[in-house]
PDB file of all heavy atoms in Angstrom:
ATOM      1  N   ILE A   1     -67.593  31.787  86.452  1.00  0.00           N
ATOM      2  CA  ILE A   1     -66.888  31.464  87.702  1.00  0.00           C
ATOM      3  C   ILE A   1     -66.912  29.967  87.922  1.00  0.00           C
ATOM      4  O   ILE A   1     -67.938  29.339  87.804  1.00  0.00           O
ATOM      5  CB  ILE A   1     -67.541  32.215  88.871  1.00  0.00           C
ATOM      6  CG1 ILE A   1     -67.594  33.638  88.656  1.00  0.00           C
ATOM      7  CG2 ILE A   1     -66.790  31.771  90.175  1.00  0.00           C
ATOM      8  CD1 ILE A   1     -66.243  34.338  88.699  1.00  0.00           C
ATOM      9  N   GLN A   2     -65.747  29.415  88.141  1.00  0.00           N
ATOM     10  CA  GLN A   2     -65.660  28.021  88.593  1.00  0.00           C
ATOM     11  C   GLN A   2     -65.380  27.873  90.088  1.00  0.00           C
ATOM     12  O   GLN A   2     -64.210  28.219  90.437  1.00  0.00           O
ATOM     13  CB  GLN A   2     -64.701  27.159  87.836  1.00  0.00           C
ATOM     14  CG  GLN A   2     -64.636  25.697  88.382  1.00  0.00           C
ATOM     15  CD  GLN A   2     -63.499  24.949  87.716  1.00  0.00           C
ATOM     16  OE1 GLN A   2     -63.163  25.177  86.577  1.00  0.00           O
ATOM     17  NE2 GLN A   2     -62.806  24.114  88.437  1.00  0.00           N
ATOM     18  N   PRO A   3     -66.253  27.669  91.029  1.00  0.00           N
ATOM     19  CA  PRO A   3     -65.851  27.587  92.416  1.00  0.00           C
ATOM     20  C   PRO A   3     -65.090  26.395  92.673  1.00  0.00           C
ATOM     21  O   PRO A   3     -65.382  25.292  92.197  1.00  0.00           O
ATOM     22  CB  PRO A   3     -67.241  27.567  93.161  1.00  0.00           C
ATOM     23  CG  PRO A   3     -68.204  27.034  92.120  1.00  0.00           C
ATOM     24  CD  PRO A   3     -67.611  27.442  90.800  1.00  0.00           C
ATOM     25  N   ALA A   4     -64.040  26.435  93.438  1.00  0.00           N
ATOM     26  CA  ALA A   4     -63.299  25.347  94.019  1.00  0.00           C
ATOM     27  C   ALA A   4     -63.302  25.402  95.524  1.00  0.00           C
ATOM     28  O   ALA A   4     -62.536  26.114  96.147  1.00  0.00           O
ATOM     29  CB  ALA A   4     -61.826  25.457  93.502  1.00  0.00           C
ATOM     30  N   ILE A   5     -64.264  24.660  96.066  1.00  0.00           N
ATOM     31  CA  ILE A   5     -64.438  24.632  97.510  1.00  0.00           C
ATOM     32  C   ILE A   5     -63.404  23.699  98.157  1.00  0.00           C
ATOM     33  O   ILE A   5     -63.455  22.556  97.894  1.00  0.00           O
ATOM     34  CB  ILE A   5     -65.943  24.214  97.848  1.00  0.00           C
ATOM     35  CG1 ILE A   5     -66.913  25.016  97.010  1.00  0.00           C
ATOM     36  CG2 ILE A   5     -66.234  24.514  99.360  1.00  0.00           C
ATOM     37  CD1 ILE A   5     -66.870  26.480  97.164  1.00  0.00           C
ATOM     38  N   ASP A   6     -62.568  24.349  99.050  1.00  0.00           N
ATOM     39  CA  ASP A   6     -61.548  23.490  99.617  1.00  0.00           C
ATOM     40  C   ASP A   6     -61.914  23.192 101.061  1.00  0.00           C
ATOM     41  O   ASP A   6     -62.601  24.051 101.829  1.00  0.00           O
ATOM     42  CB  ASP A   6     -60.244  24.347  99.714  1.00  0.00           C
ATOM     43  CG  ASP A   6     -59.803  24.759  98.383  1.00  0.00           C
ATOM     44  OD1 ASP A   6     -60.077  23.970  97.415  1.00  0.00           O
ATOM     45  OD2 ASP A   6     -58.997  25.723  98.197  1.00  0.00           O
ATOM     46  N   ASP A   7     -61.611  22.036 101.571  1.00  0.00           N
ATOM     47  CA  ASP A   7     -61.880  21.627 102.923  1.00  0.00           C
ATOM     48  C   ASP A   7     -60.669  22.026 103.741  1.00  0.00           C
ATOM     49  O   ASP A   7     -59.729  22.623 103.247  1.00  0.00           O
ATOM     50  CB  ASP A   7     -62.167  20.119 103.104  1.00  0.00           C
ATOM     51  CG  ASP A   7     -60.931  19.309 102.799  1.00  0.00           C
ATOM     52  OD1 ASP A   7     -59.804  19.874 102.710  1.00  0.00           O
ATOM     53  OD2 ASP A   7     -61.087  18.072 102.725  1.00  0.00           O
ATOM     54  N   PRO A   8     -60.806  22.046 105.092  1.00  0.00           N
ATOM     55  CA  PRO A   8     -59.676  22.494 105.907  1.00  0.00           C
ATOM     56  C   PRO A   8     -58.315  21.826 105.644  1.00  0.00           C
ATOM     57  O   PRO A   8     -57.215  22.488 105.866  1.00  0.00           O
ATOM     58  CB  PRO A   8     -60.102  22.126 107.311  1.00  0.00           C
ATOM     59  CG  PRO A   8     -61.610  22.099 107.259  1.00  0.00           C
ATOM     60  CD  PRO A   8     -61.918  21.565 105.893  1.00  0.00           C
ATOM     61  N   THR A   9     -58.302  20.698 105.051  1.00  0.00           N
ATOM     62  CA  THR A   9     -57.033  19.968 104.700  1.00  0.00           C
ATOM     63  C   THR A   9     -56.575  20.376 103.358  1.00  0.00           C
ATOM     64  O   THR A   9     -55.436  19.928 102.922  1.00  0.00           O
ATOM     65  CB  THR A   9     -57.126  18.588 104.844  1.00  0.00           C
ATOM     66  OG1 THR A   9     -58.105  17.984 103.863  1.00  0.00           O
ATOM     67  CG2 THR A   9     -57.631  18.127 106.251  1.00  0.00           C
ATOM     68  N   GLY A  10     -57.295  21.061 102.513  1.00  0.00           N
ATOM     69  CA  GLY A  10     -57.009  21.438 101.168  1.00  0.00           C
ATOM     70  C   GLY A  10     -56.840  20.221 100.249  1.00  0.00           C
ATOM     71  O   GLY A  10     -55.790  19.994  99.608  1.00  0.00           O
ATOM     72  N   PHE A  11     -57.882  19.444 100.212  1.00  0.00           N
ATOM     73  CA  PHE A  11     -57.797  18.135  99.462  1.00  0.00           C
ATOM     74  C   PHE A  11     -57.522  18.465  97.921  1.00  0.00           C
ATOM     75  O   PHE A  11     -57.843  19.540  97.417  1.00  0.00           O
ATOM     76  CB  PHE A  11     -59.025  17.357  99.565  1.00  0.00           C
ATOM     77  CG  PHE A  11     -60.275  17.891  98.752  1.00  0.00           C
ATOM     78  CD1 PHE A  11     -60.509  17.308  97.596  1.00  0.00           C
ATOM     79  CD2 PHE A  11     -60.982  18.975  99.086  1.00  0.00           C
ATOM     80  CE1 PHE A  11     -61.637  17.781  96.771  1.00  0.00           C
ATOM     81  CE2 PHE A  11     -61.971  19.432  98.364  1.00  0.00           C
ATOM     82  CZ  PHE A  11     -62.324  18.880  97.248  1.00  0.00           C
ATOM     83  N   THR A  12     -56.956  17.498  97.252  1.00  0.00           N
ATOM     84  CA  THR A  12     -56.575  17.640  95.857  1.00  0.00           C
ATOM     85  C   THR A  12     -57.531  16.858  94.974  1.00  0.00           C
ATOM     86  O   THR A  12     -57.830  15.713  95.275  1.00  0.00           O
ATOM     87  CB  THR A  12     -55.130  17.107  95.670  1.00  0.00           C
ATOM     88  OG1 THR A  12     -54.205  17.888  96.396  1.00  0.00           O
ATOM     89  CG2 THR A  12     -54.705  17.188  94.235  1.00  0.00           C
ATOM     90  N   ILE A  13     -57.932  17.497  93.802  1.00  0.00           N
ATOM     91  CA  ILE A  13     -58.788  16.830  92.893  1.00  0.00           C
ATOM     92  C   ILE A  13     -58.046  16.487  91.678  1.00  0.00           C
ATOM     93  O   ILE A  13     -57.158  17.217  91.254  1.00  0.00           O
ATOM     94  CB  ILE A  13     -59.979  17.725  92.541  1.00  0.00           C
ATOM     95  CG1 ILE A  13     -60.895  17.939  93.667  1.00  0.00           C
ATOM     96  CG2 ILE A  13     -60.766  17.195  91.405  1.00  0.00           C
ATOM     97  CD1 ILE A  13     -62.036  18.915  93.392  1.00  0.00           C
ATOM     98  N   GLY A  14     -58.198  15.282  91.074  1.00  0.00           N
ATOM     99  CA  GLY A  14     -57.622  14.886  89.857  1.00  0.00           C
ATOM    100  C   GLY A  14     -58.354  13.836  89.161  1.00  0.00           C
ATOM    101  O   GLY A  14     -59.341  13.318  89.601  1.00  0.00           O
ATOM    102  N   VAL A  15     -57.678  13.375  88.134  1.00  0.00           N
ATOM    103  CA  VAL A  15     -58.341  12.166  87.325  1.00  0.00           C
ATOM    104  C   VAL A  15     -57.387  11.086  87.277  1.00  0.00           C
ATOM    105  O   VAL A  15     -57.606  10.013  86.570  1.00  0.00           O
ATOM    106  CB  VAL A  15     -58.702  12.671  85.917  1.00  0.00           C
ATOM    107  CG1 VAL A  15     -59.740  13.713  85.940  1.00  0.00           C
ATOM    108  CG2 VAL A  15     -57.414  13.103  85.173  1.00  0.00           C
ATOM    109  N   GLY A  16     -56.328  11.007  88.084  1.00  0.00           N
ATOM    110  CA  GLY A  16     -55.487   9.876  88.298  1.00  0.00           C
ATOM    111  C   GLY A  16     -54.854   9.327  86.987  1.00  0.00           C
ATOM    112  O   GLY A  16     -54.372  10.090  86.193  1.00  0.00           O
ATOM    113  N   ARG A  17     -54.936   8.162  86.798  1.00  0.00           N
ATOM    114  CA  ARG A  17     -54.383   7.396  85.655  1.00  0.00           C
ATOM    115  C   ARG A  17     -55.358   7.130  84.544  1.00  0.00           C
ATOM    116  O   ARG A  17     -55.055   6.425  83.621  1.00  0.00           O
ATOM    117  CB  ARG A  17     -53.744   6.111  86.060  1.00  0.00           C
ATOM    118  CG  ARG A  17     -52.581   6.217  86.999  1.00  0.00           C
ATOM    119  CD  ARG A  17     -51.316   6.675  86.267  1.00  0.00           C
ATOM    120  NE  ARG A  17     -50.993   5.725  85.192  1.00  0.00           N
ATOM    121  CZ  ARG A  17     -50.220   5.915  84.178  1.00  0.00           C
ATOM    122  NH1 ARG A  17     -49.645   7.128  84.122  1.00  0.00           N
ATOM    123  NH2 ARG A  17     -49.933   4.955  83.311  1.00  0.00           N
ATOM    124  N   THR A  18     -56.627   7.793  84.637  1.00  0.00           N
ATOM    125  CA  THR A  18     -57.528   7.402  83.605  1.00  0.00           C
ATOM    126  C   THR A  18     -57.109   8.050  82.283  1.00  0.00           C
ATOM    127  O   THR A  18     -57.633   7.545  81.194  1.00  0.00           O
ATOM    128  CB  THR A  18     -58.914   7.953  84.044  1.00  0.00           C
ATOM    129  OG1 THR A  18     -58.913   9.380  84.252  1.00  0.00           O
ATOM    130  CG2 THR A  18     -59.389   7.309  85.265  1.00  0.00           C
ATOM    131  N   THR A  19     -56.385   9.187  82.217  1.00  0.00           N
ATOM    132  CA  THR A  19     -56.106   9.799  80.897  1.00  0.00           C
ATOM    133  C   THR A  19     -54.855  10.643  81.139  1.00  0.00           C
ATOM    134  O   THR A  19     -54.628  11.211  82.210  1.00  0.00           O
ATOM    135  CB  THR A  19     -57.245  10.694  80.482  1.00  0.00           C
ATOM    136  OG1 THR A  19     -56.772  11.266  79.145  1.00  0.00           O
ATOM    137  CG2 THR A  19     -57.638  11.744  81.452  1.00  0.00           C
ATOM    138  N   ARG A  20     -54.075  10.828  80.070  1.00  0.00           N
ATOM    139  CA  ARG A  20     -52.966  11.671  80.064  1.00  0.00           C
ATOM    140  C   ARG A  20     -53.390  13.071  79.696  1.00  0.00           C
ATOM    141  O   ARG A  20     -52.766  14.048  80.329  1.00  0.00           O
ATOM    142  CB  ARG A  20     -51.912  11.185  79.021  1.00  0.00           C
ATOM    143  CG  ARG A  20     -50.681  12.152  78.910  1.00  0.00           C
ATOM    144  CD  ARG A  20     -49.732  11.657  77.805  1.00  0.00           C
ATOM    145  NE  ARG A  20     -50.460  11.786  76.487  1.00  0.00           N
ATOM    146  CZ  ARG A  20     -50.529  12.986  75.739  1.00  0.00           C
ATOM    147  NH1 ARG A  20     -50.008  14.042  76.237  1.00  0.00           N
ATOM    148  NH2 ARG A  20     -51.202  12.937  74.609  1.00  0.00           N
ATOM    149  N   ARG A  21     -54.352  13.269  78.961  1.00  0.00           N
ATOM    150  CA  ARG A  21     -54.847  14.623  78.661  1.00  0.00           C
ATOM    151  C   ARG A  21     -55.425  15.240  79.825  1.00  0.00           C
ATOM    152  O   ARG A  21     -56.271  14.630  80.488  1.00  0.00           O
ATOM    153  CB  ARG A  21     -55.819  14.514  77.430  1.00  0.00           C
ATOM    154  CG  ARG A  21     -56.414  15.832  76.973  1.00  0.00           C
ATOM    155  CD  ARG A  21     -57.374  15.664  75.839  1.00  0.00           C
ATOM    156  NE  ARG A  21     -57.843  17.024  75.488  1.00  0.00           N
ATOM    157  CZ  ARG A  21     -58.912  17.571  75.992  1.00  0.00           C
ATOM    158  NH1 ARG A  21     -59.532  16.971  76.985  1.00  0.00           N
ATOM    159  NH2 ARG A  21     -59.382  18.784  75.499  1.00  0.00           N
ATOM    160  N   ILE A  22     -55.051  16.464  80.021  1.00  0.00           N
ATOM    161  CA  ILE A  22     -55.466  17.242  81.138  1.00  0.00           C
ATOM    162  C   ILE A  22     -56.796  17.904  80.781  1.00  0.00           C
ATOM    163  O   ILE A  22     -56.840  18.648  79.897  1.00  0.00           O
ATOM    164  CB  ILE A  22     -54.542  18.368  81.538  1.00  0.00           C
ATOM    165  CG1 ILE A  22     -53.149  17.691  81.883  1.00  0.00           C
ATOM    166  CG2 ILE A  22     -55.003  19.106  82.842  1.00  0.00           C
ATOM    167  CD1 ILE A  22     -52.048  18.713  82.048  1.00  0.00           C
ATOM    168  N   PRO A  23     -57.968  17.577  81.516  1.00  0.00           N
ATOM    169  CA  PRO A  23     -59.289  18.202  81.268  1.00  0.00           C
ATOM    170  C   PRO A  23     -59.288  19.619  81.549  1.00  0.00           C
ATOM    171  O   PRO A  23     -58.528  20.145  82.488  1.00  0.00           O
ATOM    172  CB  PRO A  23     -60.163  17.379  82.196  1.00  0.00           C
ATOM    173  CG  PRO A  23     -59.436  16.821  83.244  1.00  0.00           C
ATOM    174  CD  PRO A  23     -58.038  16.601  82.630  1.00  0.00           C
ATOM    175  N   PRO A  24     -60.159  20.417  80.797  1.00  0.00           N
ATOM    176  CA  PRO A  24     -60.180  21.789  80.962  1.00  0.00           C
ATOM    177  C   PRO A  24     -60.336  22.285  82.419  1.00  0.00           C
ATOM    178  O   PRO A  24     -59.692  23.243  82.907  1.00  0.00           O
ATOM    179  CB  PRO A  24     -61.233  22.253  80.109  1.00  0.00           C
ATOM    180  CG  PRO A  24     -61.319  21.197  78.954  1.00  0.00           C
ATOM    181  CD  PRO A  24     -60.998  19.959  79.731  1.00  0.00           C
ATOM    182  N   TRP A  25     -61.197  21.592  83.170  1.00  0.00           N
ATOM    183  CA  TRP A  25     -61.474  22.071  84.514  1.00  0.00           C
ATOM    184  C   TRP A  25     -60.324  21.979  85.448  1.00  0.00           C
ATOM    185  O   TRP A  25     -60.083  22.700  86.317  1.00  0.00           O
ATOM    186  CB  TRP A  25     -62.767  21.311  85.022  1.00  0.00           C
ATOM    187  CG  TRP A  25     -62.500  19.773  85.146  1.00  0.00           C
ATOM    188  CD1 TRP A  25     -62.867  18.948  84.214  1.00  0.00           C
ATOM    189  CD2 TRP A  25     -61.916  19.068  86.235  1.00  0.00           C
ATOM    190  NE1 TRP A  25     -62.562  17.632  84.681  1.00  0.00           N
ATOM    191  CE2 TRP A  25     -62.023  17.707  85.881  1.00  0.00           C
ATOM    192  CE3 TRP A  25     -61.361  19.441  87.420  1.00  0.00           C
ATOM    193  CZ2 TRP A  25     -61.474  16.734  86.650  1.00  0.00           C
ATOM    194  CZ3 TRP A  25     -60.847  18.504  88.262  1.00  0.00           C
ATOM    195  CH2 TRP A  25     -60.904  17.038  87.895  1.00  0.00           C
ATOM    196  N   LEU A  26     -59.468  20.896  85.121  1.00  0.00           N
ATOM    197  CA  LEU A  26     -58.226  20.630  85.969  1.00  0.00           C
ATOM    198  C   LEU A  26     -57.130  21.567  85.537  1.00  0.00           C
ATOM    199  O   LEU A  26     -56.351  22.082  86.359  1.00  0.00           O
ATOM    200  CB  LEU A  26     -57.837  19.188  85.744  1.00  0.00           C
ATOM    201  CG  LEU A  26     -56.506  18.809  86.597  1.00  0.00           C
ATOM    202  CD1 LEU A  26     -56.688  19.121  88.102  1.00  0.00           C
ATOM    203  CD2 LEU A  26     -56.214  17.359  86.393  1.00  0.00           C
ATOM    204  N   LEU A  27     -57.103  21.927  84.275  1.00  0.00           N
ATOM    205  CA  LEU A  27     -56.111  22.861  83.731  1.00  0.00           C
ATOM    206  C   LEU A  27     -56.411  24.217  84.419  1.00  0.00           C
ATOM    207  O   LEU A  27     -55.445  24.958  84.720  1.00  0.00           O
ATOM    208  CB  LEU A  27     -56.214  22.932  82.296  1.00  0.00           C
ATOM    209  CG  LEU A  27     -55.168  23.921  81.536  1.00  0.00           C
ATOM    210  CD1 LEU A  27     -53.755  23.469  81.881  1.00  0.00           C
ATOM    211  CD2 LEU A  27     -55.391  23.945  80.082  1.00  0.00           C
ATOM    212  N   ARG A  28     -57.641  24.556  84.594  1.00  0.00           N
ATOM    213  CA  ARG A  28     -57.911  25.923  85.225  1.00  0.00           C
ATOM    214  C   ARG A  28     -57.388  25.931  86.610  1.00  0.00           C
ATOM    215  O   ARG A  28     -56.911  26.870  87.101  1.00  0.00           O
ATOM    216  CB  ARG A  28     -59.416  26.104  85.151  1.00  0.00           C
ATOM    217  CG  ARG A  28     -60.010  26.486  83.786  1.00  0.00           C
ATOM    218  CD  ARG A  28     -61.317  27.136  83.921  1.00  0.00           C
ATOM    219  NE  ARG A  28     -62.375  26.287  84.466  1.00  0.00           N
ATOM    220  CZ  ARG A  28     -63.167  25.497  83.786  1.00  0.00           C
ATOM    221  NH1 ARG A  28     -63.008  25.371  82.537  1.00  0.00           N
ATOM    222  NH2 ARG A  28     -64.111  24.778  84.413  1.00  0.00           N
ATOM    223  N   LEU A  29     -57.696  24.792  87.233  1.00  0.00           N
ATOM    224  CA  LEU A  29     -57.043  24.671  88.732  1.00  0.00           C
ATOM    225  C   LEU A  29     -55.600  24.893  88.764  1.00  0.00           C
ATOM    226  O   LEU A  29     -54.990  25.520  89.681  1.00  0.00           O
ATOM    227  CB  LEU A  29     -57.546  23.375  89.397  1.00  0.00           C
ATOM    228  CG  LEU A  29     -58.989  23.234  89.579  1.00  0.00           C
ATOM    229  CD1 LEU A  29     -59.239  21.784  90.177  1.00  0.00           C
ATOM    230  CD2 LEU A  29     -59.584  24.274  90.439  1.00  0.00           C
ATOM    231  N   VAL A  30     -54.801  24.144  87.827  1.00  0.00           N
ATOM    232  CA  VAL A  30     -53.424  24.224  87.827  1.00  0.00           C
ATOM    233  C   VAL A  30     -52.863  25.756  87.462  1.00  0.00           C
ATOM    234  O   VAL A  30     -52.000  26.319  88.207  1.00  0.00           O
ATOM    235  CB  VAL A  30     -52.813  23.324  86.713  1.00  0.00           C
ATOM    236  CG1 VAL A  30     -51.319  23.445  86.574  1.00  0.00           C
ATOM    237  CG2 VAL A  30     -53.184  21.827  87.069  1.00  0.00           C
ATOM    238  N   THR A  31     -53.398  26.299  86.385  1.00  0.00           N
ATOM    239  CA  THR A  31     -53.038  27.703  86.069  1.00  0.00           C
ATOM    240  C   THR A  31     -53.435  28.674  87.188  1.00  0.00           C
ATOM    241  O   THR A  31     -52.723  29.717  87.341  1.00  0.00           O
ATOM    242  CB  THR A  31     -53.681  28.076  84.724  1.00  0.00           C
ATOM    243  OG1 THR A  31     -55.076  27.903  84.718  1.00  0.00           O
ATOM    244  CG2 THR A  31     -53.091  27.171  83.556  1.00  0.00           C
ATOM    245  N   GLY A  32     -54.628  28.434  87.758  1.00  0.00           N
ATOM    246  CA  GLY A  32     -55.037  29.352  88.841  1.00  0.00           C
ATOM    247  C   GLY A  32     -54.182  29.241  90.063  1.00  0.00           C
ATOM    248  O   GLY A  32     -53.917  30.317  90.717  1.00  0.00           O
ATOM    249  N   ARG A  33     -53.672  28.128  90.390  1.00  0.00           N
ATOM    250  CA  ARG A  33     -52.746  27.935  91.479  1.00  0.00           C
ATOM    251  C   ARG A  33     -51.350  28.510  91.232  1.00  0.00           C
ATOM    252  O   ARG A  33     -50.716  29.195  92.075  1.00  0.00           O
ATOM    253  CB  ARG A  33     -52.622  26.495  91.890  1.00  0.00           C
ATOM    254  CG  ARG A  33     -51.567  26.197  93.062  1.00  0.00           C
ATOM    255  CD  ARG A  33     -51.218  24.755  92.968  1.00  0.00           C
ATOM    256  NE  ARG A  33     -50.521  24.444  91.811  1.00  0.00           N
ATOM    257  CZ  ARG A  33     -50.230  23.158  91.304  1.00  0.00           C
ATOM    258  NH1 ARG A  33     -50.746  22.144  91.968  1.00  0.00           N
ATOM    259  NH2 ARG A  33     -49.574  22.929  90.151  1.00  0.00           N
ATOM    260  N   ASP A  34     -50.807  28.229  90.044  1.00  0.00           N
ATOM    261  CA  ASP A  34     -49.441  28.586  89.704  1.00  0.00           C
ATOM    262  C   ASP A  34     -49.198  30.037  89.283  1.00  0.00           C
ATOM    263  O   ASP A  34     -48.164  30.562  89.589  1.00  0.00           O
ATOM    264  CB  ASP A  34     -48.844  27.675  88.599  1.00  0.00           C
ATOM    265  CG  ASP A  34     -48.722  26.212  89.106  1.00  0.00           C
ATOM    266  OD1 ASP A  34     -48.788  25.970  90.317  1.00  0.00           O
ATOM    267  OD2 ASP A  34     -48.518  25.288  88.254  1.00  0.00           O
ATOM    268  N   GLN A  35     -50.288  30.628  88.648  1.00  0.00           N
ATOM    269  CA  GLN A  35     -50.104  31.998  88.207  1.00  0.00           C
ATOM    270  C   GLN A  35     -48.948  32.309  87.350  1.00  0.00           C
ATOM    271  O   GLN A  35     -48.180  33.275  87.545  1.00  0.00           O
ATOM    272  CB  GLN A  35     -50.069  32.958  89.473  1.00  0.00           C
ATOM    273  CG  GLN A  35     -51.291  32.922  90.259  1.00  0.00           C
ATOM    274  CD  GLN A  35     -52.580  33.345  89.502  1.00  0.00           C
ATOM    275  OE1 GLN A  35     -52.608  34.399  88.940  1.00  0.00           O
ATOM    276  NE2 GLN A  35     -53.583  32.546  89.487  1.00  0.00           N
ATOM    277  N   GLY A  36     -48.613  31.359  86.461  1.00  0.00           N
ATOM    278  CA  GLY A  36     -47.467  31.583  85.561  1.00  0.00           C
ATOM    279  C   GLY A  36     -46.420  30.398  85.697  1.00  0.00           C
ATOM    280  O   GLY A  36     -46.655  29.456  86.414  1.00  0.00           O
ATOM    281  N   CYS A  37     -45.371  30.560  84.856  1.00  0.00           N
ATOM    282  CA  CYS A  37     -44.295  29.614  84.842  1.00  0.00           C
ATOM    283  C   CYS A  37     -43.667  29.486  86.197  1.00  0.00           C
ATOM    284  O   CYS A  37     -43.253  30.426  86.825  1.00  0.00           O
ATOM    285  CB  CYS A  37     -43.287  29.905  83.786  1.00  0.00           C
ATOM    286  SG  CYS A  37     -41.924  28.730  83.740  1.00  0.00           S
ATOM    287  N   ARG A  38     -43.579  28.166  86.713  1.00  0.00           N
ATOM    288  CA  ARG A  38     -43.002  27.908  87.909  1.00  0.00           C
ATOM    289  C   ARG A  38     -41.420  27.899  88.032  1.00  0.00           C
ATOM    290  O   ARG A  38     -40.847  27.756  89.056  1.00  0.00           O
ATOM    291  CB  ARG A  38     -43.586  26.741  88.576  1.00  0.00           C
ATOM    292  CG  ARG A  38     -45.071  26.735  88.890  1.00  0.00           C
ATOM    293  CD  ARG A  38     -45.399  27.553  90.070  1.00  0.00           C
ATOM    294  NE  ARG A  38     -44.831  27.011  91.245  1.00  0.00           N
ATOM    295  CZ  ARG A  38     -45.374  26.137  92.011  1.00  0.00           C
ATOM    296  NH1 ARG A  38     -46.608  25.639  91.744  1.00  0.00           N
ATOM    297  NH2 ARG A  38     -44.782  25.736  93.139  1.00  0.00           N
ATOM    298  N   PHE A  39     -40.787  27.945  86.835  1.00  0.00           N
ATOM    299  CA  PHE A  39     -39.364  27.865  86.815  1.00  0.00           C
ATOM    300  C   PHE A  39     -38.855  29.157  87.524  1.00  0.00           C
ATOM    301  O   PHE A  39     -39.325  30.259  87.410  1.00  0.00           O
ATOM    302  CB  PHE A  39     -38.825  27.828  85.364  1.00  0.00           C
ATOM    303  CG  PHE A  39     -37.432  27.522  85.245  1.00  0.00           C
ATOM    304  CD1 PHE A  39     -36.965  26.219  85.108  1.00  0.00           C
ATOM    305  CD2 PHE A  39     -36.348  28.487  85.381  1.00  0.00           C
ATOM    306  CE1 PHE A  39     -35.717  25.821  84.999  1.00  0.00           C
ATOM    307  CE2 PHE A  39     -35.077  28.148  85.213  1.00  0.00           C
ATOM    308  CZ  PHE A  39     -34.649  26.828  85.098  1.00  0.00           C
ATOM    309  N   PRO A  40     -37.795  28.963  88.418  1.00  0.00           N
ATOM    310  CA  PRO A  40     -37.347  29.968  89.266  1.00  0.00           C
ATOM    311  C   PRO A  40     -36.895  31.198  88.404  1.00  0.00           C
ATOM    312  O   PRO A  40     -36.061  31.108  87.490  1.00  0.00           O
ATOM    313  CB  PRO A  40     -36.056  29.328  89.977  1.00  0.00           C
ATOM    314  CG  PRO A  40     -36.381  27.933  90.067  1.00  0.00           C
ATOM    315  CD  PRO A  40     -37.099  27.567  88.676  1.00  0.00           C
TER     316      PRO A  40
END
């Protein structure tokens, strides 16, 4: 389990411009939020 504790404003976590490659922990947040392809 990777907990993602959100504050009341739902702040966003990222690594900015430090790297193009998406780290695994951030990829999990993206896939967990989108639940599949976002194309309509």
